Protein backbone atom coordinates (compact mmCIF):
# COMPACT_ATOMS: atom_id res chain seq x y z
CA UNK A 1 102.48 90.76 103.83
CA UNK A 2 100.56 93.39 106.01
CA UNK A 3 97.67 94.83 104.65
CA UNK A 4 97.50 98.72 103.77
CA UNK A 5 94.32 101.11 104.46
CA UNK A 6 93.36 104.35 102.94
CA UNK A 7 91.03 107.10 104.40
CA UNK A 8 88.53 109.05 101.48
CA UNK A 9 86.40 111.69 102.27
CA UNK A 10 84.34 112.26 99.36
CA UNK A 11 86.53 111.94 96.00
CA UNK A 12 89.58 112.94 98.18
CA UNK A 13 91.80 110.66 99.91
CA UNK A 14 94.31 111.55 102.75
CA UNK A 15 97.65 111.92 101.24
CA UNK A 16 99.85 113.52 104.84
CA UNK A 17 98.80 113.91 108.19
CA UNK A 18 100.40 116.89 110.33
CA UNK A 19 98.17 116.99 113.35
CA UNK A 20 95.83 118.49 113.31
CA UNK A 21 95.64 119.21 109.55
CA UNK A 22 95.38 117.03 106.40
CA UNK A 23 96.60 116.90 103.02
CA UNK A 24 94.43 115.52 100.76
CA UNK A 25 94.73 114.36 96.83
CA UNK A 26 92.56 113.28 94.16
CA UNK A 27 94.73 110.89 92.75
CA UNK A 28 94.58 107.32 94.82
CA UNK A 29 98.00 106.23 94.32
CA UNK A 30 99.23 109.27 95.69
CA UNK A 31 97.14 108.23 99.23
CA UNK A 32 98.80 107.38 102.53
CA UNK A 33 99.12 103.97 103.67
CA UNK A 34 98.23 103.75 107.16
CA UNK A 35 97.41 100.64 109.44
CA UNK A 36 93.71 99.80 110.64
CA UNK A 37 93.85 101.77 113.95
CA UNK A 38 95.15 105.06 112.39
CA UNK A 39 92.69 104.72 109.05
CA UNK A 40 90.05 104.18 111.58
CA UNK A 41 91.18 107.27 113.96
CA UNK A 42 91.93 109.17 110.72
CA UNK A 43 88.52 108.58 109.24
CA UNK A 44 86.54 109.52 112.33
CA UNK A 45 88.26 112.58 112.87
CA UNK A 46 87.32 114.23 109.32
CA UNK A 47 84.01 111.95 108.80
CA UNK A 48 85.58 109.80 106.27
CA UNK A 49 85.72 106.02 105.46
CA UNK A 50 88.25 103.26 105.38
CA UNK A 51 88.97 101.39 102.47
CA UNK A 52 91.46 98.40 102.17
CA UNK A 53 94.09 98.70 99.57
CA UNK A 54 94.60 95.08 97.82
CA UNK A 55 98.19 94.18 97.72
CA UNK A 56 100.02 91.98 95.39
CA UNK A 57 103.49 90.94 94.65
CA UNK A 58 104.36 91.88 91.09
CA UNK A 59 107.20 89.62 89.93
CA UNK A 60 109.86 92.51 87.36
CA UNK A 61 111.08 90.15 84.31
CA UNK A 62 113.32 93.26 83.65
CA UNK A 63 110.82 95.60 82.55
CA UNK A 64 109.42 98.43 83.82
CA UNK A 65 106.04 98.42 85.64
CA UNK A 66 103.97 101.09 85.90
CA UNK A 67 100.90 100.01 87.99
């Protein structure tokens, strides 16, 4: 499984990248998942930090899984 990263600035996460603008959200699960190089570049341009997202595979046994 490939690694995913999010960019955080204060208590906001990057939601969408529309050069040269960034839409932000306060909800972590709505954050835009980026590869490391893109996340690092975005963080440097807005003064934020890069955080690695831990992804895990969830086996669905016919039940609705909300995370």
